[in-house]
N, C-alpha and C. Protein backbone atom coordinates (compact mmCIF):
# COMPACT_ATOMS: atom_id res chain seq x y z
N MET A 1 1.30 -1.11 0.43
CA MET A 1 -0.28 -0.09 -0.04
C MET A 1 0.85 1.52 0.37
N THR A 2 1.08 1.89 -0.61
CA THR A 2 2.12 3.09 -0.68
C THR A 2 0.40 4.88 -1.14
N ALA A 3 0.52 5.81 -0.31
CA ALA A 3 -0.28 6.27 -0.67
C ALA A 3 0.53 7.96 -0.11
N ASP A 4 0.51 9.00 -0.70
CA ASP A 4 1.60 9.78 -1.16
C ASP A 4 1.65 11.28 -0.02
N HIS A 5 0.17 10.64 0.89
CA HIS A 5 0.64 11.87 1.98
C HIS A 5 -0.19 10.82 2.98
N ALA A 6 0.90 9.44 3.02
CA ALA A 6 0.52 9.15 4.76
C ALA A 6 1.23 9.46 6.04
N LEU A 7 0.40 9.68 6.60
CA LEU A 7 0.74 9.62 7.95
C LEU A 7 1.98 8.68 8.62
N LEU A 8 1.01 7.37 8.61
CA LEU A 8 1.40 6.47 9.10
C LEU A 8 1.56 5.34 8.10
N GLU A 9 2.13 4.69 7.45
CA GLU A 9 2.76 3.72 6.80
C GLU A 9 3.05 2.52 7.46
N PHE A 10 1.69 1.65 7.21
CA PHE A 10 2.53 -0.62 7.87
C PHE A 10 2.52 -0.43 6.52
N ASP A 11 3.90 -1.36 6.14
CA ASP A 11 3.90 -2.58 4.83
C ASP A 11 3.99 -4.02 4.91
N HIS A 12 3.56 -4.16 4.96
CA HIS A 12 3.41 -6.48 4.93
C HIS A 12 4.01 -6.58 6.85
N VAL A 13 4.12 -5.87 7.81
CA VAL A 13 4.65 -5.88 9.52
C VAL A 13 5.38 -6.79 9.95
N ASP A 14 5.27 -7.52 10.84
CA ASP A 14 5.60 -8.17 10.79
C ASP A 14 6.56 -8.45 12.44
N LYS A 15 5.62 -9.06 13.41
CA LYS A 15 5.94 -9.29 14.93
C LYS A 15 5.82 -9.96 15.47
N TYR A 16 7.23 -10.68 16.21
CA TYR A 16 6.90 -11.87 17.23
C TYR A 16 7.80 -11.49 18.50
N PHE A 17 6.61 -12.26 19.72
CA PHE A 17 7.87 -12.10 20.61
C PHE A 17 8.11 -14.06 20.90
N GLY A 18 9.16 -14.28 20.60
CA GLY A 18 9.97 -15.60 20.87
C GLY A 18 9.46 -15.92 19.85
N GLU A 19 8.75 -17.18 20.33
CA GLU A 19 8.47 -17.63 18.61
C GLU A 19 6.71 -17.56 18.53
N THR A 20 6.28 -16.58 18.91
CA THR A 20 4.65 -16.45 18.64
C THR A 20 4.68 -15.38 17.72
N HIS A 21 4.27 -15.47 16.64
CA HIS A 21 4.43 -14.71 15.39
C HIS A 21 3.41 -13.39 15.60
N VAL A 22 2.76 -12.39 16.00
CA VAL A 22 1.66 -11.45 17.04
C VAL A 22 1.11 -10.84 15.72
N LEU A 23 2.01 -10.48 15.21
CA LEU A 23 1.84 -9.42 14.16
C LEU A 23 1.96 -9.99 12.47
N LYS A 24 0.83 -10.08 11.65
CA LYS A 24 1.46 -11.15 10.46
C LYS A 24 0.87 -10.40 8.65
N GLU A 25 2.17 -9.60 8.60
CA GLU A 25 2.18 -9.26 7.19
C GLU A 25 0.77 -8.40 6.76
N VAL A 26 0.82 -7.19 7.89
CA VAL A 26 0.32 -6.32 8.34
C VAL A 26 0.12 -4.98 7.71
N SER A 27 -0.88 -4.44 7.14
CA SER A 27 -0.52 -3.35 5.92
C SER A 27 -1.36 -2.18 5.90
N LEU A 28 -1.46 -1.63 6.89
CA LEU A 28 -2.24 -0.52 6.09
C LEU A 28 -1.57 1.33 5.59
N ASP A 29 -1.96 2.00 5.29
CA ASP A 29 -2.19 2.75 5.70
C ASP A 29 -3.09 3.95 5.94
N ILE A 30 -2.19 5.42 7.19
CA ILE A 30 -2.90 6.15 7.62
C ILE A 30 -3.10 7.30 7.34
N GLU A 31 -3.45 8.44 6.27
CA GLU A 31 -3.45 9.75 5.91
C GLU A 31 -4.24 10.75 7.13
N ASP A 32 -3.36 11.78 6.87
CA ASP A 32 -3.18 13.17 7.19
C ASP A 32 -4.51 13.72 7.83
N GLY A 33 -5.55 13.69 8.83
CA GLY A 33 -6.83 14.46 8.76
C GLY A 33 -6.77 13.05 9.29
N GLU A 34 -7.37 11.06 8.81
CA GLU A 34 -8.20 10.55 8.40
C GLU A 34 -8.01 9.92 10.30
N VAL A 35 -9.07 9.55 10.75
CA VAL A 35 -9.59 8.94 11.87
C VAL A 35 -9.99 7.06 11.14
N CYS A 36 -8.77 6.78 12.16
CA CYS A 36 -9.18 4.99 12.54
C CYS A 36 -9.48 4.06 13.75
N VAL A 37 -10.30 3.39 14.23
CA VAL A 37 -10.02 2.46 15.25
C VAL A 37 -9.68 0.77 14.59
N VAL A 38 -9.08 0.34 15.56
CA VAL A 38 -8.13 -0.20 15.92
C VAL A 38 -9.50 -1.64 17.02
N VAL A 39 -10.19 -2.26 16.57
CA VAL A 39 -11.17 -3.24 16.67
C VAL A 39 -10.88 -4.96 16.61
N GLY A 40 -11.01 -6.03 17.75
CA GLY A 40 -10.61 -6.89 17.69
C GLY A 40 -10.98 -7.80 18.64
N PRO A 41 -10.27 -8.89 18.52
CA PRO A 41 -10.63 -10.05 20.03
C PRO A 41 -9.51 -9.44 20.60
N SER A 42 -9.78 -10.35 22.73
CA SER A 42 -8.50 -9.97 23.08
C SER A 42 -7.38 -10.74 22.33
N GLY A 43 -6.13 -10.66 22.30
CA GLY A 43 -5.11 -11.75 21.89
C GLY A 43 -4.75 -10.79 20.52
N SER A 44 -5.29 -9.72 19.58
CA SER A 44 -5.57 -10.02 18.66
C SER A 44 -3.80 -8.88 17.86
N GLY A 45 -3.85 -8.61 19.46
CA GLY A 45 -2.03 -7.48 18.61
C GLY A 45 -2.76 -6.32 18.76
N LYS A 46 -4.12 -5.48 18.67
CA LYS A 46 -4.41 -4.34 18.33
C LYS A 46 -3.29 -3.76 20.01
N SER A 47 -3.38 -3.52 20.67
CA SER A 47 -1.56 -3.32 21.29
C SER A 47 -0.89 -3.10 20.85
N THR A 48 -0.17 -3.88 20.14
CA THR A 48 1.01 -4.04 20.02
C THR A 48 1.39 -3.52 18.77
N LEU A 49 0.53 -3.14 18.28
CA LEU A 49 0.28 -2.81 16.77
C LEU A 49 0.09 -1.39 16.85
N LEU A 50 0.15 -0.65 17.89
CA LEU A 50 -0.59 0.49 18.65
C LEU A 50 1.00 1.29 19.10
N ARG A 51 1.36 -0.04 19.69
CA ARG A 51 3.07 0.14 20.53
C ARG A 51 4.21 0.15 18.36
N CYS A 52 4.02 -0.01 18.70
CA CYS A 52 4.64 -0.85 17.01
C CYS A 52 4.84 0.63 16.60
N ALA A 53 4.19 1.48 16.06
CA ALA A 53 3.66 2.77 15.92
C ALA A 53 3.85 3.93 16.56
N ASN A 54 4.12 3.76 17.84
CA ASN A 54 4.50 4.38 17.64
C ASN A 54 6.48 5.32 18.78
N ARG A 55 6.62 3.17 18.20
CA ARG A 55 7.77 2.99 18.75
C ARG A 55 8.52 2.76 19.69
N LEU A 56 7.45 1.69 19.92
CA LEU A 56 7.78 1.92 21.99
C LEU A 56 8.07 0.03 21.65
N GLU A 57 7.74 -0.20 20.56
CA GLU A 57 7.92 -1.93 20.38
C GLU A 57 8.69 -1.79 18.68
N GLU A 58 10.24 -2.83 18.13
CA GLU A 58 10.46 -2.93 17.20
C GLU A 58 9.77 -3.38 16.40
N ILE A 59 9.62 -3.90 14.89
CA ILE A 59 9.41 -4.99 14.18
C ILE A 59 11.25 -5.69 13.00
N GLN A 60 9.47 -6.56 13.30
CA GLN A 60 10.61 -7.57 12.26
C GLN A 60 11.71 -7.51 11.25
N ALA A 61 10.16 -6.80 10.69
CA ALA A 61 9.99 -7.50 8.66
C ALA A 61 9.20 -6.54 8.94
N GLY A 62 9.06 -5.96 7.58
CA GLY A 62 7.84 -4.74 7.15
C GLY A 62 8.86 -3.42 6.65
């Protein structure tokens, strides 16, 4: 995914904790002024996605 004015861009992002594959090939673009909601069941990687977006966690690929 490529956007001309993406404020945040994830392109096939992977994140592991040990052998647990937490984020699997996540791709998204969030543009300036866009509102985004992250929804999913417990343990689906919502907090990890936000922590990676804020550079509090390091991504392994993408």
